[in-house]
Protein backbone atom coordinates (compact mmCIF):
# COMPACT_ATOMS: atom_id res chain seq x y z
CA MET A 1 -137.54 5.71 -31.80
CA SER A 2 -134.75 7.23 -30.27
CA SER A 3 -131.90 5.51 -28.49
CA LEU A 4 -129.65 6.88 -25.87
CA ALA A 5 -125.93 6.94 -26.92
CA GLY A 6 -123.07 7.47 -24.40
CA PRO A 7 -119.71 9.16 -24.97
CA PRO A 8 -117.20 7.29 -27.19
CA PRO A 9 -114.69 5.02 -25.38
CA GLN A 10 -111.29 6.61 -24.56
CA PRO A 11 -107.91 4.69 -25.24
CA LEU A 12 -106.15 3.24 -22.16
CA GLN A 13 -103.20 5.38 -20.92
CA ALA A 14 -99.84 3.58 -19.81
CA PRO A 15 -98.86 4.36 -16.29
CA ALA A 16 -96.02 6.83 -15.72
CA GLU A 17 -93.90 4.19 -13.92
CA THR A 18 -93.92 1.96 -16.99
CA ARG A 19 -92.70 4.81 -19.19
CA ARG A 20 -89.79 5.62 -16.83
CA ARG A 21 -88.69 2.00 -16.77
CA GLY A 22 -88.56 1.85 -20.54
CA LYS A 23 -86.37 4.93 -20.73
CA THR A 24 -83.92 3.45 -18.16
CA VAL A 25 -83.53 0.27 -20.18
CA ARG A 26 -82.83 2.23 -23.34
CA ARG A 27 -80.20 4.33 -21.55
CA ILE A 28 -78.43 1.24 -20.18
CA ALA A 29 -78.36 -0.35 -23.62
CA LEU A 30 -76.92 2.78 -25.18
CA ALA A 31 -74.27 3.11 -22.42
CA GLY A 32 -73.19 -0.53 -22.84
CA LEU A 33 -72.90 -0.10 -26.59
CA ALA A 34 -70.82 3.07 -26.11
CA GLY A 35 -68.53 1.23 -23.62
CA LEU A 36 -67.97 -1.60 -26.04
CA LEU A 37 -67.08 0.87 -28.78
CA LEU A 38 -64.62 2.70 -26.50
CA ALA A 39 -62.96 -0.53 -25.32
CA GLY A 40 -62.55 -1.72 -28.88
CA GLY A 41 -61.04 1.60 -29.87
CA ALA A 42 -58.61 1.49 -26.94
CA ILE A 43 -57.52 -2.05 -27.78
CA TRP A 44 -56.98 -1.12 -31.38
CA ALA A 45 -55.01 2.00 -30.40
CA GLY A 46 -52.85 -0.12 -28.05
CA ILE A 47 -52.12 -2.61 -30.79
CA VAL A 48 -51.16 0.16 -33.17
CA ALA A 49 -49.01 1.91 -30.52
CA TYR A 50 -47.24 -1.35 -29.56
CA SER A 51 -46.51 -2.09 -33.19
CA ARG A 52 -45.12 1.39 -33.72
CA LEU A 53 -43.09 1.18 -30.50
CA ALA A 54 -41.63 -2.18 -31.47
CA GLN A 55 -40.70 -0.78 -34.88
CA SER A 56 -39.23 2.34 -33.24
CA SER A 57 -37.27 0.26 -30.71
CA ALA A 58 -35.94 -1.95 -33.44
CA SER A 59 -34.89 1.09 -35.46
CA GLU A 60 -33.37 2.96 -32.48
CA MET A 61 -31.59 -0.04 -30.87
CA PRO A 62 -27.79 0.28 -31.29
CA THR A 63 -26.56 -2.55 -33.43
CA ALA A 64 -23.37 -3.97 -34.87
CA VAL A 65 -22.59 -6.10 -37.88
CA VAL A 66 -20.71 -9.39 -37.60
CA ARG A 67 -17.45 -8.91 -39.46
CA ARG A 68 -14.66 -11.17 -40.59
CA GLY A 69 -11.07 -10.06 -40.32
CA ASP A 70 -7.83 -10.14 -38.36
CA VAL A 71 -8.02 -9.51 -34.61
CA SER A 72 -5.07 -8.59 -32.38
CA LEU A 73 -5.51 -9.69 -28.78
CA THR A 74 -3.99 -6.92 -26.72
CA ILE A 75 -3.77 -6.49 -22.96
CA THR A 76 -3.78 -2.90 -21.73
CA ALA A 77 -3.26 -1.66 -18.20
CA PRO A 78 -2.30 1.52 -16.33
CA GLY A 79 1.15 1.70 -14.80
CA GLU A 80 3.62 3.84 -12.92
CA LEU A 81 7.16 4.70 -13.94
CA ARG A 82 9.90 3.70 -11.52
CA GLY A 83 13.64 3.44 -11.58
CA GLY A 84 15.27 0.05 -11.32
CA ASN A 85 17.51 -0.85 -8.35
CA PRO A 86 16.47 2.21 -6.33
CA ASP A 87 18.58 3.66 -3.53
CA MET A 88 16.21 3.26 -0.58
CA LEU A 89 16.36 5.91 2.15
CA THR A 90 15.05 4.60 5.48
CA ALA A 91 14.54 6.09 8.90
CA PRO A 92 17.53 5.29 11.16
CA MET A 93 17.32 2.69 13.91
CA THR A 94 17.79 5.04 16.85
CA GLY A 95 16.49 2.66 19.47
CA GLY A 96 13.72 5.08 20.39
CA GLY A 97 10.14 5.72 19.36
CA ASP A 98 8.66 7.41 16.31
CA MET A 99 10.47 10.31 14.68
CA HIS A 100 9.03 13.38 12.99
CA LEU A 101 9.99 14.58 9.53
CA THR A 102 11.20 18.18 9.43
CA VAL A 103 12.55 18.29 5.86
CA LEU A 104 11.49 16.22 2.84
CA ARG A 105 12.06 16.71 -0.88
CA ASP A 106 9.10 16.46 -3.26
CA THR A 107 8.57 13.55 -5.61
CA GLY A 108 10.31 14.18 -8.92
CA GLU A 109 12.75 16.72 -7.48
CA GLU A 110 16.28 16.35 -8.86
CA VAL A 111 19.13 15.78 -6.41
CA LYS A 112 22.86 15.27 -6.66
CA THR A 113 25.11 12.95 -4.71
CA GLY A 114 25.31 14.16 -1.11
CA ASP A 115 22.23 16.40 -1.26
CA ILE A 116 19.88 16.27 1.70
CA VAL A 117 16.68 14.41 0.89
CA ALA A 118 15.02 14.18 4.32
CA GLU A 119 15.71 15.23 7.90
CA PHE A 120 14.16 14.17 11.20
CA ASP A 121 13.65 16.08 14.42
CA THR A 122 16.89 15.63 16.45
CA LYS A 123 15.79 17.25 19.73
CA GLU A 124 15.52 13.92 21.55
CA GLN A 125 18.94 12.81 20.37
CA GLU A 126 20.44 16.21 21.21
CA PHE A 127 19.03 15.88 24.72
CA LYS A 128 20.59 12.42 24.99
CA LEU A 129 23.88 13.86 23.73
CA LYS A 130 23.92 16.60 26.36
CA GLU A 131 22.94 14.09 29.03
CA ALA A 132 25.78 11.78 27.96
CA GLU A 133 28.24 14.67 27.92
CA GLY A 134 27.21 15.51 31.51
CA ASP A 135 27.65 11.87 32.50
CA LEU A 136 31.08 11.88 30.87
CA ALA A 137 32.21 14.97 32.78
CA GLU A 138 30.95 13.46 36.04
CA ALA A 139 32.64 10.13 35.29
CA GLN A 140 35.91 11.88 34.47
CA GLN A 141 35.77 13.75 37.76
CA LYS A 142 35.15 10.49 39.60
CA VAL A 143 38.17 8.97 37.87
CA ILE A 144 40.30 11.93 38.94
CA GLN A 145 38.96 11.66 42.48
CA ALA A 146 39.60 7.92 42.59
CA LYS A 147 43.11 8.42 41.23
CA SER A 148 43.91 11.11 43.80
CA LYS A 149 42.51 8.98 46.62
CA GLN A 150 44.53 6.01 45.44
CA GLU A 151 47.74 8.04 45.28
CA ALA A 152 47.13 9.44 48.79
CA GLU A 153 46.47 6.01 50.25
CA GLU A 154 49.52 4.60 48.51
CA GLU A 155 51.63 7.40 50.01
CA GLU A 156 50.25 6.60 53.47
CA ASP A 157 50.90 2.92 52.94
CA ARG A 158 54.47 3.57 51.82
CA TYR A 159 55.07 5.68 54.94
CA ALA A 160 53.57 3.00 57.21
CA LEU A 161 55.60 0.32 55.45
CA SER A 162 58.83 2.29 55.82
CA LYS A 163 58.07 2.87 59.52
CA ALA A 164 57.33 -0.83 60.01
CA LYS A 165 60.59 -1.78 58.37
CA ALA A 166 62.44 0.69 60.58
CA ASP A 167 60.75 -0.82 63.64
CA VAL A 168 61.93 -4.27 62.57
CA THR A 169 65.46 -2.97 62.13
CA LEU A 170 65.46 -1.36 65.60
CA ALA A 171 64.03 -4.52 67.12
CA GLU A 172 66.76 -6.58 65.49
CA LEU A 173 69.38 -4.22 66.94
CA ASP A 174 67.85 -4.64 70.40
CA VAL A 175 67.87 -8.41 70.02
CA ARG A 176 71.61 -8.30 69.34
CA LYS A 177 72.06 -6.98 72.88
CA ASN A 178 70.30 -9.96 74.41
CA PRO A 179 73.51 -11.85 75.42
CA ILE A 180 74.49 -9.04 77.76
CA LEU A 181 70.98 -8.25 78.96
CA PRO A 182 68.91 -9.91 81.63
CA ALA A 183 66.75 -12.80 80.51
CA ILE A 184 63.54 -10.89 80.99
CA THR A 185 64.77 -7.95 78.89
CA ALA A 186 66.09 -10.32 76.25
CA LYS A 187 62.71 -12.04 76.13
CA GLN A 188 60.99 -8.69 75.71
CA ASN A 189 63.32 -7.84 72.84
CA ASP A 190 62.48 -11.13 71.12
CA LEU A 191 58.79 -10.48 71.52
CA ALA A 192 59.19 -6.92 70.22
CA LEU A 193 61.05 -8.19 67.15
CA ALA A 194 58.38 -10.80 66.44
CA ALA A 195 55.63 -8.17 66.81
CA ALA A 196 57.46 -5.78 64.47
CA LYS A 197 57.84 -8.48 61.85
CA ASP A 198 54.17 -9.45 62.16
CA HIS A 199 53.14 -5.81 61.82
CA LEU A 200 55.35 -5.45 58.71
CA ALA A 201 53.87 -8.58 57.13
CA GLN A 202 50.31 -7.37 57.84
CA LEU A 203 51.06 -3.96 56.34
CA GLU A 204 52.49 -5.56 53.20
CA LYS A 205 49.37 -7.74 52.86
CA ASN A 206 47.04 -4.80 53.49
CA LEU A 207 48.98 -2.73 50.98
CA SER A 208 48.51 -5.40 48.31
CA ASN A 209 44.76 -5.68 49.04
CA ARG A 210 44.26 -1.91 49.09
CA THR A 211 46.12 -1.54 45.81
CA ALA A 212 43.85 -4.12 44.16
CA THR A 213 40.76 -2.42 45.63
CA ASN A 214 41.85 1.02 44.42
CA GLN A 215 42.62 -0.34 40.97
CA ALA A 216 39.17 -1.97 40.78
CA ASN A 217 37.46 1.25 41.93
CA ARG A 218 39.42 3.21 39.39
CA ALA A 219 38.49 0.71 36.67
CA VAL A 220 34.81 1.12 37.58
CA GLN A 221 35.07 4.88 37.23
CA GLU A 222 36.95 4.54 33.96
CA ALA A 223 34.24 2.17 32.74
CA GLY A 224 31.73 4.94 33.49
CA VAL A 225 33.81 7.21 31.30
CA GLY A 226 33.81 4.64 28.52
CA LYS A 227 30.01 4.22 28.83
CA ALA A 228 29.44 7.95 28.63
CA GLU A 229 31.78 8.22 25.63
CA ALA A 230 29.87 5.39 23.90
CA GLN A 231 26.55 7.16 24.59
CA ILE A 232 27.99 10.37 23.16
CA ALA A 233 29.22 8.56 20.06
CA GLU A 234 25.84 6.84 19.62
CA ALA A 235 23.89 10.09 20.04
CA ARG A 236 26.15 11.86 17.54
CA LYS A 237 25.83 8.94 15.13
CA ASN A 238 22.03 9.01 15.47
CA ILE A 239 21.94 12.75 14.89
CA GLU A 240 24.06 12.32 11.79
CA ALA A 241 21.93 9.38 10.60
CA MET A 242 18.75 11.43 10.98
CA THR A 243 19.81 13.41 7.93
CA LEU A 244 19.21 11.28 4.84
CA THR A 245 21.38 12.18 1.87
CA ALA A 246 21.40 10.98 -1.72
CA HIS A 247 23.99 8.33 -2.52
CA ARG A 248 23.55 8.88 -6.24
CA ALA A 249 22.28 11.57 -8.55
CA GLY A 250 18.69 11.21 -9.68
CA TYR A 251 15.11 12.09 -8.86
CA VAL A 252 13.35 11.66 -5.54
CA SER A 253 10.38 9.33 -5.21
CA VAL A 254 8.56 9.71 -1.88
CA LYS A 255 7.12 6.49 -0.43
CA PRO A 256 3.55 6.02 0.92
CA ASN A 257 3.05 6.53 4.65
CA THR A 258 2.06 3.16 6.13
CA ASN A 259 2.36 4.38 9.73
CA THR A 260 -1.40 4.66 10.24
CA ASP A 261 -3.70 3.68 13.10
CA PHE A 262 -6.10 1.84 10.78
CA PHE A 263 -6.02 0.26 7.35
CA PHE A 264 -8.53 -1.51 5.12
CA SER A 265 -8.15 -3.37 1.87
CA GLY A 266 -8.11 -1.07 -1.14
CA MET A 267 -7.21 2.00 0.91
CA THR A 268 -4.99 4.53 -0.87
CA LEU A 269 -2.19 5.68 1.41
CA PRO A 270 -0.83 9.21 1.13
CA ASP A 271 2.85 9.89 0.60
CA PHE A 272 5.06 11.03 3.45
CA GLN A 273 5.11 14.74 4.12
CA VAL A 274 6.74 17.11 6.60
CA GLY A 275 5.43 16.56 10.12
CA ASP A 276 4.54 12.88 9.70
CA ARG A 277 5.55 10.32 12.31
CA VAL A 278 7.99 7.68 11.06
CA ARG A 279 8.93 4.44 12.74
CA PRO A 280 12.62 3.43 12.74
CA GLY A 281 13.42 1.35 9.69
CA MET A 282 10.55 2.64 7.52
CA ALA A 283 11.35 3.57 3.91
CA VAL A 284 10.73 7.30 3.43
CA ALA A 285 11.94 7.89 -0.12
CA GLU A 286 13.96 6.30 -2.87
CA ILE A 287 16.21 7.49 -5.65
CA PRO A 288 15.82 5.22 -8.69
CA ASP A 289 18.66 4.20 -10.92
CA MET A 290 18.22 6.45 -13.94
CA SER A 291 19.98 3.95 -16.20
CA SER A 292 17.43 1.16 -15.66
CA TRP A 293 13.88 2.50 -15.75
CA GLU A 294 10.95 0.14 -15.28
CA VAL A 295 7.17 0.34 -15.38
CA VAL A 296 4.99 -1.37 -12.79
CA ALA A 297 1.56 -2.10 -14.29
CA ASN A 298 -1.48 -3.47 -12.46
CA VAL A 299 -2.87 -6.10 -14.83
CA ALA A 300 -6.18 -7.89 -14.32
CA GLU A 301 -5.97 -11.41 -12.94
CA LEU A 302 -7.73 -12.87 -16.00
CA ASP A 303 -4.90 -11.63 -18.23
CA ARG A 304 -2.06 -13.14 -16.23
CA GLY A 305 -2.15 -16.47 -18.06
CA HIS A 306 -1.62 -14.70 -21.40
CA LEU A 307 1.60 -12.93 -20.36
CA GLU A 308 5.10 -14.35 -20.33
CA VAL A 309 8.47 -12.99 -19.30
CA GLY A 310 10.11 -11.47 -22.36
CA ASP A 311 6.90 -10.35 -24.12
CA LYS A 312 7.28 -7.11 -26.02
CA VAL A 313 5.40 -4.16 -24.52
CA SER A 314 4.36 -0.80 -25.92
CA VAL A 315 4.52 1.97 -23.31
CA ARG A 316 2.91 5.38 -23.52
CA VAL A 317 3.82 7.99 -20.91
CA ILE A 318 0.88 10.32 -20.29
CA ALA A 319 3.13 13.34 -19.66
CA LEU A 320 5.06 12.73 -22.92
CA PRO A 321 2.33 12.16 -25.53
CA ARG A 322 4.72 12.58 -28.47
CA ARG A 323 7.15 9.92 -27.29
CA HIS A 324 6.66 6.20 -27.73
CA PHE A 325 8.61 3.69 -25.65
CA THR A 326 9.06 -0.03 -25.91
CA GLY A 327 10.05 -2.60 -23.35
CA LYS A 328 9.85 -6.21 -22.24
CA VAL A 329 8.05 -8.02 -19.45
CA LYS A 330 10.72 -8.50 -16.76
CA ASP A 331 8.78 -10.09 -13.93
CA LEU A 332 5.23 -11.15 -13.03
CA GLY A 333 4.37 -10.52 -9.40
CA ALA A 334 1.86 -12.16 -7.11
CA THR A 335 -1.87 -11.54 -7.40
CA ALA A 336 -3.41 -9.25 -4.78
CA GLY A 337 -6.54 -7.22 -4.14
CA VAL A 338 -10.17 -7.80 -3.26
CA PRO A 339 -11.76 -10.99 -4.63
CA TRP A 340 -13.91 -9.12 -7.16
CA ASP A 341 -11.02 -7.05 -8.52
CA ARG A 342 -7.83 -9.09 -8.37
CA LYS A 343 -4.71 -7.53 -9.85
CA PHE A 344 -1.05 -8.47 -10.14
CA ALA A 345 2.07 -6.37 -10.58
CA CYS A 346 3.77 -6.71 -13.95
CA HIS A 347 7.32 -5.26 -14.04
CA ILE A 348 8.40 -4.00 -17.47
CA SER A 349 11.90 -2.85 -18.36
CA LEU A 350 12.26 0.04 -20.84
CA ASP A 351 14.50 -0.44 -23.84
CA ASP A 352 15.04 3.22 -24.72
CA PRO A 353 14.73 5.48 -21.63
CA SER A 354 14.67 9.22 -22.08
CA PRO A 355 16.08 12.06 -19.92
CA GLU A 356 12.56 13.52 -19.66
CA LEU A 357 11.32 10.57 -17.62
CA ARG A 358 10.54 11.13 -13.94
CA PRO A 359 9.60 8.70 -11.17
CA GLY A 360 5.87 8.37 -10.58
CA MET A 361 4.79 9.32 -14.10
CA THR A 362 1.56 7.62 -15.16
CA THR A 363 1.82 5.24 -18.10
CA GLU A 364 -0.37 3.05 -20.27
CA VAL A 365 1.06 -0.26 -21.38
CA SER A 366 -0.22 -2.61 -24.06
CA VAL A 367 0.93 -6.13 -24.82
CA THR A 368 -0.12 -7.94 -27.98
CA THR A 369 -0.41 -11.55 -26.92
CA ASP A 370 -1.87 -13.11 -30.08
CA GLU A 371 -3.17 -12.37 -33.58
CA LEU A 372 -6.05 -14.30 -35.16
CA LYS A 373 -6.49 -14.28 -38.93
CA GLY A 374 -9.81 -14.30 -40.78
CA VAL A 375 -12.12 -14.75 -37.78
CA LEU A 376 -15.63 -13.50 -37.01
CA TRP A 377 -15.65 -10.71 -34.48
CA LEU A 378 -17.99 -8.28 -32.76
CA PRO A 379 -17.66 -5.40 -30.31
CA SER A 380 -17.28 -6.80 -26.81
CA GLN A 381 -20.53 -5.16 -25.60
CA ALA A 382 -22.52 -7.23 -28.14
CA LEU A 383 -21.77 -10.45 -26.24
CA PHE A 384 -23.99 -11.45 -23.31
CA GLU A 385 -23.76 -14.19 -20.73
CA SER A 386 -26.37 -15.94 -18.60
CA ASP A 387 -26.35 -19.28 -16.76
CA GLY A 388 -22.95 -20.13 -18.16
CA LYS A 389 -24.00 -19.57 -21.79
CA THR A 390 -22.83 -16.86 -24.16
CA PHE A 391 -25.27 -15.46 -26.69
CA VAL A 392 -26.11 -12.45 -28.86
CA TYR A 393 -29.36 -10.72 -29.74
CA LEU A 394 -29.70 -11.43 -33.47
CA LYS A 395 -31.91 -9.17 -35.54
CA VAL A 396 -34.65 -11.05 -37.39
CA GLY A 397 -36.96 -8.77 -39.36
CA SER A 398 -37.99 -5.91 -37.08
CA SER A 399 -37.29 -7.72 -33.81
CA PHE A 400 -34.41 -9.43 -32.02
CA THR A 401 -34.00 -13.01 -30.85
CA THR A 402 -31.34 -14.68 -28.75
CA LYS A 403 -28.70 -16.73 -30.53
CA ASP A 404 -26.21 -18.95 -28.70
CA VAL A 405 -22.60 -18.46 -29.81
CA THR A 406 -19.21 -19.84 -28.87
CA LEU A 407 -16.63 -17.44 -27.50
CA VAL A 408 -13.16 -18.14 -28.92
CA ARG A 409 -11.08 -15.27 -27.53
CA ARG A 410 -11.63 -11.72 -26.49
CA ASN A 411 -9.85 -8.50 -25.62
CA GLU A 412 -11.16 -5.27 -24.17
CA ALA A 413 -12.72 -4.08 -27.44
CA ARG A 414 -13.55 -7.18 -29.48
CA VAL A 415 -14.78 -10.74 -29.09
CA VAL A 416 -13.99 -13.56 -31.48
CA ILE A 417 -16.99 -15.90 -31.81
CA THR A 418 -18.52 -18.71 -33.85
CA GLY A 419 -22.17 -19.59 -34.35
CA VAL A 420 -23.29 -16.61 -36.45
CA ALA A 421 -22.80 -15.65 -40.05
CA GLU A 422 -20.84 -12.76 -41.45
CA LYS A 423 -22.81 -9.51 -41.96
CA GLN A 424 -25.60 -10.51 -39.61
CA VAL A 425 -26.83 -7.71 -37.34
CA VAL A 426 -26.83 -8.02 -33.55
CA ALA A 427 -27.90 -5.66 -30.78
CA LEU A 428 -25.38 -3.87 -28.56
CA ALA A 429 -27.86 -3.84 -25.67
CA ASN A 430 -30.59 -6.07 -24.32
CA PRO A 431 -33.76 -5.15 -26.27
CA ALA A 432 -35.88 -5.99 -23.22
CA ASP A 433 -33.97 -3.42 -21.22
CA SER A 434 -34.26 -0.68 -23.81
CA GLY A 435 -34.64 2.60 -22.01
CA LYS A 436 -33.45 1.23 -18.68
CA LYS A 437 -30.25 2.65 -17.28
CA LYS A 438 -28.37 -0.50 -16.46
CA PRO A 439 -25.54 -2.35 -18.16
CA ALA A 440 -26.64 -5.12 -20.49
CA ALA A 441 -23.40 -6.51 -21.88
CA ALA A 442 -21.29 -8.94 -19.91
CA GLY A 443 -18.09 -7.21 -18.88
CA PRO A 444 -14.61 -8.72 -19.13
CA ALA A 445 -14.90 -10.01 -15.56
CA ALA A 446 -17.91 -12.14 -16.55
CA ILE A 447 -15.94 -14.17 -19.06
CA PRO A 448 -14.10 -17.18 -17.65
CA PRO A 449 -10.30 -17.11 -17.90
CA SER A 450 -10.27 -20.05 -20.27
CA SER A 451 -12.22 -18.04 -22.85
CA ARG A 452 -9.98 -15.04 -22.95
C-alpha cells in the first residue's frame, strides 16, 4: 500500500527587520564600551599630567632658605647734590610784567665773582628810559620858561612900583602947595595923593602875590624835573638789575621754571632756559657755597620714623664711582607727594667734600639705622600679606602651604621674622600664581610703619 508523502518541512526564516535591530543594539553596546574606555584613559592621563605638573611646579618654583644671622637695617634713597647757603639770583622787581631771558648759564658751569649768570630783555626799560629822558628835557625847558617869565614879570612889577612911588612923591609935592592954592585945587591935590598911595599899596600887594604865584609855578616845573630824573634813575637801575651777576665764585645751578599755565601733582618742571618768561621776584639760578655741600634725598614716608638728626650717612655720587663720601643727617623736611607715594626731603651735610663735585649730581645715600644679631631672615619678596596677616609659602614635601609668621623688622632686601625654623624652604612667589605675570610678594609699601 502506498502512501502519499509531501515535501519535508522548511525551517522558519527571521524577518529582515529583526536582524537589523539586533545589529543596531550590538553597535550601541560596542560604542558605549569604547566611550567608557576613552573616558577612563583621559581621566588617568589627566591625573598623571597633573601629578607631573605639580612636581614640575614644585621643582621650578623659586625658593629661599630661612637663614639665621646678623641683619643691618639700611635705608637707601636717591638724592641730588646741592651747595649749602646758596647765593640765590632772582628776577628784579621792575614793577612791570613778565620778563624774557636772553642769556643764561648752564647748570654746572663755573663762574667767578662778577661774571654774568643771566640777562633779561631790557627793551621795555630802555623805552621807559628814553621816555623819561624826553620828559626831563621838556620839564627843564618848562622850568627855564617859567624862570624867564617870572623874571620878566618881576621887572615889570619893579618898573610899575618905581613909577607908583614917583607918583606919590609928585603928589606929596603938589600937596605942599595947598596953602597958597585955591581950596578946590588943594582938595584935588589931596585926592591925587591919596589915590597915588592907594595905587602904590595895591601894586606892592599884587607884587607879593605874583611873586608867590611865580615861585609856586616854578616849583611845579622843578618837581616835574625831579620826577623825570627819578624815572630815569629807576629805569637805569632796572636795566642794571636785569643783568644778574655772581656774588661768589662757584658753579651755576639753574632753577625749575614754575611760571606755567597749568600744574598737576607729580609734574616734573623743566629748568629755565633762554626765551622763557619770568615773573619779577622768581628765582632763576643759584650759586651754592662750595665749602658746605649738602645732599637732598627723597626718602619714603615709612622710613621717616627710623631717621634722626645726626645719623651717619654713606653717600655715593653716580658721576664719581671711585669716590666714597660720608655725611650726617642735618634736617628732616616735611612729607609731600601723592597719598600712595609720600616722600620727605632729608638734608645731609657732607663731611669731606671734593673739588670734583658739581651741583645737580645724582647721588645714592644709605643710612644704617639698626643692626640685629642672630635673627631669622628671608629675602623681602618671600614675605606675603593678606587681610592684615603676614605669611610665607612653606615647602612641605613636593607642595607648598601657607605659614603665618611675625614680621619683626625689614629693609629693602631682607625681612626679619619669627614663626619658622632655620633652614626651612619657602617660595619666593605665590605657587597658585605660577606662570602668571603679576607681582606676588608684598612690597615695602604694604608693610605697616610699625613693622619696619
